[in-house]
Protein backbone atom coordinates (compact mmCIF):
# COMPACT_ATOMS: atom_id res chain seq x y z
CA MET A 1 -3.01 28.71 13.87
CA LYS A 2 -1.27 30.50 10.71
CA LYS A 3 1.70 28.70 12.47
CA GLY A 4 -0.58 25.30 11.53
CA LEU A 5 -1.42 26.10 8.64
CA LEU A 6 2.44 26.52 7.46
CA ALA A 7 3.27 23.60 8.99
CA LEU A 8 0.85 21.50 5.71
CA SER A 9 1.34 23.50 3.63
CA PRO A 10 4.13 21.95 1.68
CA ILE A 11 0.93 18.95 0.67
CA GLY A 12 -1.02 22.18 -1.36
CA VAL A 13 2.11 23.00 -2.73
CA PHE A 14 2.76 19.19 -3.95
CA VAL A 15 -1.51 18.37 -4.54
CA VAL A 16 -1.04 21.91 -6.50
CA MET A 17 1.76 21.28 -8.46
CA TYR A 18 1.27 17.48 -9.96
CA LEU A 19 -2.78 17.32 -8.93
CA VAL A 20 -3.91 19.84 -10.07
CA THR A 21 -2.07 20.58 -12.72
CA SER A 22 -2.33 17.18 -14.49
CA ILE A 23 -6.14 17.57 -13.99
CA VAL A 24 -5.61 20.23 -16.58
CA ALA A 25 -3.35 19.57 -18.71
CA GLY A 26 -5.81 15.51 -19.11
CA ASP A 27 -2.24 14.50 -18.55
CA PHE A 28 -0.81 12.53 -15.41
CA TYR A 29 1.94 11.83 -16.86
CA LYS A 30 2.96 15.49 -17.97
CA VAL A 31 4.17 16.43 -15.03
CA PRO A 32 7.33 13.26 -13.26
CA ILE A 33 5.24 12.92 -10.35
CA THR A 34 9.77 13.51 -8.79
CA VAL A 35 9.04 16.98 -10.36
CA ALA A 36 6.55 17.26 -7.46
CA PHE A 37 8.26 16.24 -4.66
CA MET A 38 10.74 18.20 -5.03
CA ALA A 39 9.59 21.41 -6.06
CA ALA A 40 7.41 20.80 -2.19
CA SER A 41 10.27 19.65 -0.44
CA MET A 42 12.33 22.46 -1.61
CA TYR A 43 8.97 24.45 -0.61
CA ALA A 44 8.65 22.42 2.28
CA VAL A 45 12.81 23.17 3.60
CA MET A 46 12.33 27.14 3.14
CA VAL A 47 9.18 27.63 4.76
CA CYS A 48 10.69 26.46 7.57
CA GLY A 49 12.01 29.12 9.38
CA GLY A 50 13.45 30.37 12.61
CA ILE A 51 16.57 27.93 11.93
CA PRO A 52 19.76 27.41 9.22
CA LEU A 53 19.32 26.11 6.52
CA ARG A 54 22.11 24.00 6.90
CA LYS A 55 19.39 22.71 10.41
CA ARG A 56 16.52 22.40 7.96
CA ILE A 57 18.24 20.14 5.77
CA ASP A 58 19.37 17.86 8.47
CA ILE A 59 15.87 17.09 9.09
CA TYR A 60 15.10 16.78 5.65
CA SER A 61 17.61 14.17 5.38
CA ARG A 62 16.74 12.81 8.99
CA GLY A 63 13.15 11.66 7.75
CA ALA A 64 14.70 10.49 4.01
CA GLY A 65 16.96 7.97 5.72
CA THR A 66 14.37 6.34 8.85
CA GLY A 67 15.67 3.21 9.53
CA GLN A 68 12.14 2.46 8.06
CA MET A 69 12.83 4.00 4.98
CA MET A 70 16.21 2.02 4.20
CA LEU A 71 13.52 -0.82 5.53
CA MET A 72 11.19 -0.25 2.76
CA ILE A 73 14.38 1.13 -0.37
CA TRP A 74 15.92 -2.24 1.00
CA ILE A 75 12.85 -3.96 -0.17
CA PHE A 76 12.15 -2.02 -3.38
CA ILE A 77 14.99 -2.97 -4.46
CA LEU A 78 15.56 -6.61 -3.88
CA ALA A 79 11.68 -6.61 -5.69
CA GLY A 80 13.23 -5.05 -8.95
CA ALA A 81 15.62 -7.35 -9.17
CA PHE A 82 13.68 -10.43 -7.95
CA ALA A 83 10.48 -9.07 -10.80
CA HIS A 84 12.81 -8.60 -13.59
CA SER A 85 15.31 -12.01 -13.68
CA ALA A 86 12.22 -13.43 -13.15
CA LYS A 87 10.70 -11.62 -16.18
CA VAL A 88 13.91 -12.50 -18.75
CA MET A 89 14.48 -15.43 -17.51
CA GLY A 90 10.34 -16.45 -18.84
CA SER A 91 8.80 -16.93 -15.38
CA ILE A 92 5.78 -14.34 -15.34
CA ASP A 93 4.62 -15.85 -19.03
CA ALA A 94 4.73 -19.84 -17.48
CA THR A 95 3.15 -18.17 -14.41
CA VAL A 96 0.84 -16.39 -15.72
CA ASN A 97 0.07 -19.17 -18.45
CA LEU A 98 -0.75 -21.62 -15.84
CA ALA A 99 -3.79 -19.43 -13.75
CA LEU A 100 -5.03 -18.94 -17.81
CA ALA A 101 -5.47 -22.60 -18.43
CA VAL A 102 -5.94 -23.06 -14.34
CA LEU A 103 -8.95 -20.67 -13.70
CA PRO A 104 -11.86 -19.28 -16.60
CA SER A 105 -11.25 -16.24 -18.11
CA GLN A 106 -14.24 -14.63 -15.89
CA MET A 107 -13.33 -15.63 -13.25
CA LEU A 108 -9.66 -13.97 -13.35
CA LEU A 109 -10.43 -10.94 -11.26
CA ALA A 110 -11.94 -12.70 -8.26
CA GLY A 111 -9.67 -15.39 -8.11
CA LEU A 112 -6.97 -12.57 -8.86
CA PHE A 113 -8.95 -10.46 -5.63
CA LEU A 114 -9.07 -14.16 -3.47
CA ALA A 115 -5.58 -14.82 -3.76
CA ALA A 116 -4.39 -11.28 -2.59
CA CYS A 117 -7.00 -11.28 0.54
CA PHE A 118 -5.22 -15.35 0.78
CA ILE A 119 -1.90 -14.51 0.74
CA SER A 120 -2.05 -10.79 2.62
CA LEU A 121 -4.54 -12.37 5.90
CA SER A 122 -2.28 -15.29 6.10
CA ILE A 123 1.73 -13.18 5.57
CA GLY A 124 0.51 -9.89 7.54
CA THR A 125 1.51 -7.32 4.71
CA SER A 126 0.13 -5.72 1.83
CA VAL A 127 3.68 -4.88 0.77
CA GLY A 128 4.85 -8.39 0.48
CA THR A 129 1.94 -9.13 -0.98
CA ILE A 130 2.40 -6.61 -3.72
CA VAL A 131 5.23 -7.95 -4.83
CA ALA A 132 4.13 -11.65 -5.26
CA LEU A 133 1.22 -10.82 -6.76
CA THR A 134 1.52 -7.91 -9.35
CA PRO A 135 3.67 -8.80 -12.45
CA ILE A 136 1.84 -11.82 -12.83
CA ALA A 137 -1.62 -9.21 -13.07
CA ALA A 138 0.19 -6.79 -14.84
CA GLY A 139 1.44 -10.19 -17.30
CA VAL A 140 -2.22 -11.91 -17.39
CA ALA A 141 -3.86 -8.36 -18.17
CA THR A 142 -1.47 -8.16 -20.96
CA GLN A 143 -2.20 -11.55 -22.13
CA THR A 144 -6.06 -11.07 -22.13
CA ASP A 145 -6.20 -7.14 -23.18
CA THR A 146 -6.93 -6.11 -19.81
CA SER A 147 -6.27 -3.11 -18.55
CA VAL A 148 -3.10 -2.96 -16.49
CA ALA A 149 -4.92 -0.45 -14.12
CA LEU A 150 -7.41 -2.98 -13.13
CA MET A 151 -6.06 -5.45 -12.39
CA THR A 152 -2.88 -4.12 -10.13
CA ALA A 153 -5.26 -1.94 -8.23
CA VAL A 154 -6.63 -5.79 -7.76
CA VAL A 155 -4.12 -7.11 -5.63
CA VAL A 156 -3.60 -3.59 -4.29
CA GLY A 157 -7.48 -4.49 -2.68
CA GLY A 158 -6.60 -7.37 -1.47
CA SER A 159 -3.38 -6.70 -0.94
CA LEU A 160 -5.14 -4.44 2.17
CA PHE A 161 -7.88 -6.76 2.98
CA GLY A 162 -4.49 -8.67 4.86
CA ASP A 163 -3.02 -5.49 6.06
CA ASN A 164 -5.71 -4.67 8.25
CA LEU A 165 -7.27 -8.31 9.60
CA SER A 166 -4.31 -10.15 9.43
CA PHE A 167 -3.73 -11.23 13.53
CA ILE A 168 0.74 -10.74 11.68
CA SER A 169 -0.30 -7.18 10.84
CA ASP A 170 2.14 -5.07 11.79
CA THR A 171 -0.69 -2.02 11.98
CA THR A 172 -3.55 -5.54 13.59
CA ILE A 173 -0.78 -5.33 16.93
CA VAL A 174 -0.22 -1.28 17.23
CA ALA A 175 -4.47 -0.76 16.85
CA THR A 176 -4.46 -3.06 19.83
CA GLN A 177 -1.46 -2.86 21.94
CA THR A 178 -2.10 1.13 21.66
CA GLN A 179 -6.35 0.64 22.52
CA GLY A 180 -5.42 -1.98 25.50
CA CYS A 181 -7.75 -4.91 23.70
CA LYS A 182 -7.17 -7.79 22.40
CA LEU A 183 -5.87 -9.55 18.48
CA SER A 184 -8.78 -11.83 18.69
CA ASP A 185 -11.68 -9.49 19.94
CA LYS A 186 -10.36 -6.28 17.45
CA PHE A 187 -10.05 -9.27 14.09
CA ARG A 188 -14.41 -9.98 15.58
CA VAL A 189 -15.50 -6.32 15.39
CA ASN A 190 -13.01 -5.68 12.53
CA SER A 191 -14.69 -8.52 10.37
CA PHE A 192 -18.66 -6.78 10.91
CA ILE A 193 -16.70 -4.07 8.60
CA VAL A 194 -14.52 -5.62 5.75
CA ILE A 195 -15.82 -8.45 5.51
CA PRO A 196 -18.72 -8.33 3.85
CA ALA A 197 -17.05 -4.82 1.74
CA ALA A 198 -14.78 -8.05 0.83
CA VAL A 199 -17.58 -10.31 -0.43
CA ILE A 200 -19.50 -7.04 -2.37
CA ILE A 201 -16.37 -6.04 -4.06
CA LEU A 202 -16.01 -9.61 -5.37
CA VAL A 203 -19.48 -10.37 -6.34
CA VAL A 204 -18.23 -7.03 -8.59
CA TYR A 205 -15.25 -8.41 -8.94
CA VAL A 206 -18.01 -11.25 -10.73
CA PHE A 207 -20.08 -9.16 -12.67
CA MET A 208 -16.90 -7.40 -14.31
CA GLY A 209 -15.05 -9.94 -15.83
CA GLN A 210 -17.78 -11.73 -17.85
CA GLY A 211 -16.58 -10.08 -20.66
CA MET A 212 -12.91 -11.11 -20.20
CA ARG A 213 -11.84 -13.07 -22.75
CA SER A 214 -8.55 -15.47 -22.43
CA PRO A 215 -6.90 -16.78 -25.24
CA ALA A 216 -7.83 -18.48 -28.17
CA ASN A 217 -4.08 -20.58 -27.26
CA VAL A 218 -2.53 -20.62 -24.17
CA HIS A 219 0.95 -21.41 -24.23
CA ASP A 220 3.05 -24.38 -22.75
CA ILE A 221 2.98 -24.95 -19.24
CA GLU A 222 5.94 -24.80 -17.70
CA LEU A 223 5.99 -25.47 -13.73
CA LEU A 224 9.66 -25.59 -13.25
CA LYS A 225 10.16 -21.81 -14.20
CA VAL A 226 6.32 -21.13 -11.57
CA LEU A 227 8.56 -22.74 -9.28
CA PRO A 228 9.89 -19.00 -7.79
CA TYR A 229 6.44 -17.34 -7.56
CA LEU A 230 5.72 -20.93 -5.90
CA ILE A 231 8.03 -20.55 -3.12
CA VAL A 232 8.10 -16.36 -2.45
CA LEU A 233 4.52 -17.10 -1.87
CA ILE A 234 5.16 -20.61 -0.11
CA THR A 235 7.31 -19.28 1.81
CA ALA A 236 6.64 -16.14 3.05
CA ILE A 237 2.45 -17.92 3.34
CA PHE A 238 5.27 -19.17 6.63
CA GLY A 239 6.05 -16.24 7.83
CA MET A 240 9.79 -15.40 6.46
CA ASN A 241 11.10 -11.99 6.31
CA VAL A 242 10.39 -10.38 3.05
CA MET A 243 13.87 -9.95 2.15
CA ALA A 244 14.53 -13.01 2.65
CA VAL A 245 11.58 -14.51 0.58
CA LEU A 246 12.91 -12.16 -2.78
CA ALA A 247 16.78 -13.38 -1.94
CA LEU A 248 15.49 -16.47 -1.95
CA GLY A 249 13.01 -15.87 -5.07
CA ILE A 250 16.49 -14.01 -6.69
CA LEU A 251 18.76 -17.17 -6.41
CA LEU A 252 15.84 -19.37 -7.96
CA THR A 253 15.16 -17.00 -10.71
CA GLY A 254 19.36 -16.86 -11.35
CA ALA A 255 19.70 -20.84 -10.95
CA ILE A 256 16.64 -21.76 -12.81
CA GLY A 257 17.76 -19.30 -15.64
CA MET A 258 20.99 -20.84 -16.14
CA VAL A 259 19.77 -24.34 -16.33
CA GLN A 260 17.37 -23.37 -19.30
CA GLY A 261 19.74 -21.51 -20.43
CA ALA A 262 17.54 -17.99 -20.74
CA TYR A 263 20.51 -16.90 -19.60
CA ASP A 264 24.44 -16.43 -18.61
CA VAL A 265 25.81 -16.03 -14.62
CA PHE A 266 26.41 -12.76 -17.08
CA GLY A 267 23.04 -12.24 -18.24
CA TRP A 268 21.55 -13.14 -14.86
CA MET A 269 23.46 -10.28 -13.39
CA GLN A 270 22.58 -7.88 -15.32
CA ALA A 271 19.21 -9.28 -15.88
CA MET A 272 18.90 -7.80 -11.84
CA GLY A 273 20.89 -4.46 -12.31
CA GLN A 274 18.49 -3.35 -15.04
CA GLY A 275 15.60 -4.55 -12.28
CA ILE A 276 17.55 -1.98 -9.49
CA ILE A 277 17.48 0.72 -12.03
CA GLY A 278 13.92 0.61 -12.78
CA MET A 279 12.66 1.28 -9.25
CA GLY A 280 15.04 3.87 -9.04
CA GLU A 281 12.34 6.67 -9.14
CA LEU A 282 10.04 5.18 -7.24
CA ILE A 283 13.43 5.25 -4.32
CA ILE A 284 13.90 8.45 -5.09
CA ILE A 285 9.74 8.78 -3.77
CA THR A 286 9.68 7.64 -1.06
CA MET A 287 12.94 9.35 0.55
CA MET A 288 11.62 12.78 -0.30
CA ALA A 289 8.00 11.55 0.89
CA GLY A 290 9.71 10.99 4.01
CA GLY A 291 12.37 14.35 3.81
CA LEU A 292 8.62 16.65 3.29
CA LEU A 293 6.84 14.38 6.37
CA GLU A 294 9.66 14.94 8.33
CA ILE A 295 9.90 18.79 7.29
CA ILE A 296 6.15 19.07 7.97
CA ARG A 297 6.00 16.41 12.02
CA HIS A 298 8.71 18.97 12.70
CA ASN A 299 6.64 22.05 12.14
CA GLY A 300 4.28 21.64 14.41
CA GLY A 301 1.45 19.76 11.33
CA ILE A 302 0.97 17.15 12.94
CA ASP A 303 -0.26 17.89 16.54
CA TYR A 304 -1.67 20.67 14.52
CA LEU A 305 -4.22 18.50 12.88
CA ILE A 306 -5.02 16.60 16.20
CA GLU A 307 -5.55 19.67 18.12
CA ARG A 308 -8.48 20.73 15.35
CA LEU A 309 -10.01 18.25 15.03
CA THR A 310 -10.83 17.47 19.04
CA ARG A 311 -11.50 20.80 20.32
CA HIS A 312 -15.51 20.39 19.58
CA ILE A 313 -16.04 15.94 20.38
CA SER A 314 -19.21 15.77 23.03
CA THR A 315 -21.25 12.37 21.59
CA LYS A 316 -19.49 8.79 21.20
CA ARG A 317 -20.00 8.75 17.73
CA GLY A 318 -18.70 12.39 17.38
CA ALA A 319 -15.23 10.77 19.04
CA GLU A 320 -15.59 7.15 17.14
CA LEU A 321 -15.63 9.91 14.46
CA SER A 322 -12.75 12.54 15.72
CA ILE A 323 -10.29 8.81 15.71
CA ALA A 324 -10.84 8.37 12.08
CA ALA A 325 -10.31 11.61 10.24
CA LEU A 326 -7.30 11.45 13.21
CA VAL A 327 -5.43 8.50 11.82
CA SER A 328 -7.46 9.34 8.41
CA LEU A 329 -5.71 12.71 8.12
CA VAL A 330 -2.24 11.66 9.47
CA ASP A 331 -1.64 8.90 6.82
CA LEU A 332 -2.21 11.74 4.83
CA CYS A 333 0.44 12.86 5.60
CA THR A 334 3.11 10.30 6.55
CA ALA A 335 2.28 8.24 4.00
CA ASN A 336 2.25 5.28 6.65
CA ASN A 337 -0.05 3.57 8.05
CA THR A 338 1.39 1.66 10.85
CA VAL A 339 3.38 5.31 11.59
CA ALA A 340 0.16 7.57 11.44
CA ILE A 341 -1.86 4.43 14.47
CA ILE A 342 1.96 4.45 16.46
CA THR A 343 1.72 7.93 16.17
CA VAL A 344 -2.39 9.10 17.06
CA GLY A 345 -2.93 5.88 18.97
CA GLY A 346 -2.44 7.33 22.48
CA ILE A 347 -4.12 10.05 22.05
CA ALA A 348 -7.27 8.20 20.09
CA LYS A 349 -6.93 5.27 24.02
CA HIS A 350 -7.55 8.60 25.40
CA ILE A 351 -10.33 10.10 23.89
CA GLY A 352 -12.32 6.45 23.79
CA ASP A 353 -11.77 6.31 27.56
CA ARG A 354 -13.80 10.20 27.82
CA TYR A 355 -16.75 8.95 25.95
CA GLY A 356 -16.72 5.63 26.48
CA VAL A 357 -15.67 4.32 22.69
CA ASP A 358 -14.98 0.10 23.20
CA ASN A 359 -10.85 -0.19 23.22
CA ARG A 360 -12.23 -2.91 20.55
CA LYS A 361 -14.01 -1.17 18.41
CA ALA A 362 -11.78 2.16 18.59
CA ALA A 363 -8.57 -0.28 17.75
CA SER A 364 -10.25 -1.13 14.71
CA ILE A 365 -11.20 2.08 13.19
CA LEU A 366 -7.33 3.24 13.88
CA ASP A 367 -6.98 -0.15 11.48
CA THR A 368 -9.99 0.18 9.10
CA PHE A 369 -9.46 4.06 7.84
CA SER A 370 -5.28 3.98 7.98
CA CYS A 371 -5.95 0.98 5.81
CA MET A 372 -7.74 3.02 3.72
CA MET A 373 -6.28 5.82 2.92
CA GLN A 374 -2.74 4.43 2.27
CA GLY A 375 -4.35 2.27 -0.24
CA VAL A 376 -5.15 5.46 -1.68
CA ILE A 377 -2.06 7.00 -1.62
CA PRO A 378 -0.48 7.64 -4.35
CA TYR A 379 2.63 8.02 -2.72
CA GLY A 380 1.94 5.40 -0.47
CA ALA A 381 4.91 1.82 0.34
CA GLN A 382 1.68 -0.07 -1.50
CA LEU A 383 0.80 2.09 -4.42
CA LEU A 384 4.81 2.84 -5.37
CA MET A 385 5.50 -1.10 -5.17
CA ALA A 386 2.64 -1.51 -7.65
CA ALA A 387 2.84 1.35 -10.75
CA GLY A 388 6.96 0.55 -10.08
CA LEU A 389 6.34 -3.77 -10.80
CA ALA A 390 3.23 -3.05 -13.01
CA GLY A 391 5.08 0.31 -14.93
CA LEU A 392 3.32 2.70 -14.01
CA ASN A 393 2.19 5.80 -12.59
CA PRO A 394 0.69 5.20 -9.44
CA VAL A 395 -2.26 7.94 -10.38
CA ALA A 396 -3.33 5.71 -12.92
CA ILE A 397 -4.10 2.68 -9.81
CA VAL A 398 -6.03 5.46 -7.55
CA PRO A 399 -9.89 5.24 -10.12
CA TYR A 400 -10.36 1.84 -9.58
CA LEU A 401 -9.08 0.98 -6.98
CA TYR A 402 -12.41 0.01 -5.39
CA TYR A 403 -11.14 -2.06 -1.81
CA PRO A 404 -10.13 0.16 0.22
CA LEU A 405 -12.79 2.85 -0.01
CA ALA A 406 -15.16 0.18 -0.53
CA ILE A 407 -13.65 -0.80 4.09
CA GLY A 408 -13.84 3.72 4.40
CA ILE A 409 -17.41 3.43 3.48
CA ALA A 410 -18.88 0.04 5.47
CA ALA A 411 -16.65 1.91 8.67
CA LEU A 412 -18.22 5.27 8.11
CA MET A 413 -21.69 3.29 8.59
CA LEU A 414 -20.87 0.89 10.92
CA ILE A 415 -19.66 4.66 13.17
CA LEU A 416 -23.03 6.69 12.02
CA PHE A 417 -25.16 3.72 12.71
CA ARG A 418 -24.20 2.27 15.37
CA TYR A 419 -23.39 -1.60 15.12
CA PRO A 420 -22.56 -2.94 15.75
CA LYS A 421 -24.65 -3.11 18.37
CA ARG A 422 -22.87 -4.58 21.42
CA TYR A 423 -19.92 -2.88 20.64
CA SER A 424 -21.23 0.85 20.45
């Protein structure tokens, strides 16, 4: 037990160093999140005893430089280059003006949420949706004098709708494969959880948007400058790889920007460079989080969580709750919902078979709770990306994340009240 708690203790160091200290100071910008991760990482390497220091550093570095981590970093780099070159060229302002002209001011929140839900459902990735919509959301917030954190959270919530429900989402594929059920069956069960939650949150956004007012004088719409975002959205919806989508967007911003005189070729390169530099903190956090979590995994922290949570199961309801708790805690430790499902999928299948849990409901529980947790941890890729693009501290977005909490509550209610009956 002591060894397991020691393995998990770096998370406690991070929480105390960042969250508790920030609460005491009354300012979440007081302690840089990079410093909190650095302190937790140094502590993790220090307590990883029994092996030489160089070996501990190698373990940390292996986690920081996995293929999945590097893919995330490449996406961050391309997203930074696209977002800033589009901003300098005027794409964000043009797109915001279009949104203000088309949508009634009281429907801006609800409309943005619906757009994020539709795009994420179509492309199956929350990160791609966040990349496409966050700059627009931040621009709309500025123009309408609305909280940037609130508008960014609307996009993050909608992006998780598709991440959880889409047929082509990696979390859906992994959840169904580990539990041995069909994608269509899991979709049906999952829809009982997320669609009511999405409708409730949509209604909440409609009411919240009643007090919003668009600027009196909306500037002329420049459709050519909107084209890079439209192409990014359309190509993403049709399933193009997110890195290819961003590369195409970068080329379009360069071509249109130079044609319209927004910048020359060197100005375009300067804009891309500034965007990449702006992602520096995000990249550093991503690498340190990966290294920290690899140390925890190596020391048995994940295995300890799994063992402790499966000791006292005796009923079907208890089995479902243990699966939910397992995937939530592992996502908390890995900051990746796909990895969390892969990690506990086999164990969840074993628990489900032993206590008669329907495979389709087990897959839905795995996917929904992992997406819920991924949507609220400030060091997950979704919030880090959204915060980086909106120029916010990721913790500032957390209080406005209504949809992830709604699907978590809905999924918990389904377990406790044995609904839907035919899958329970």
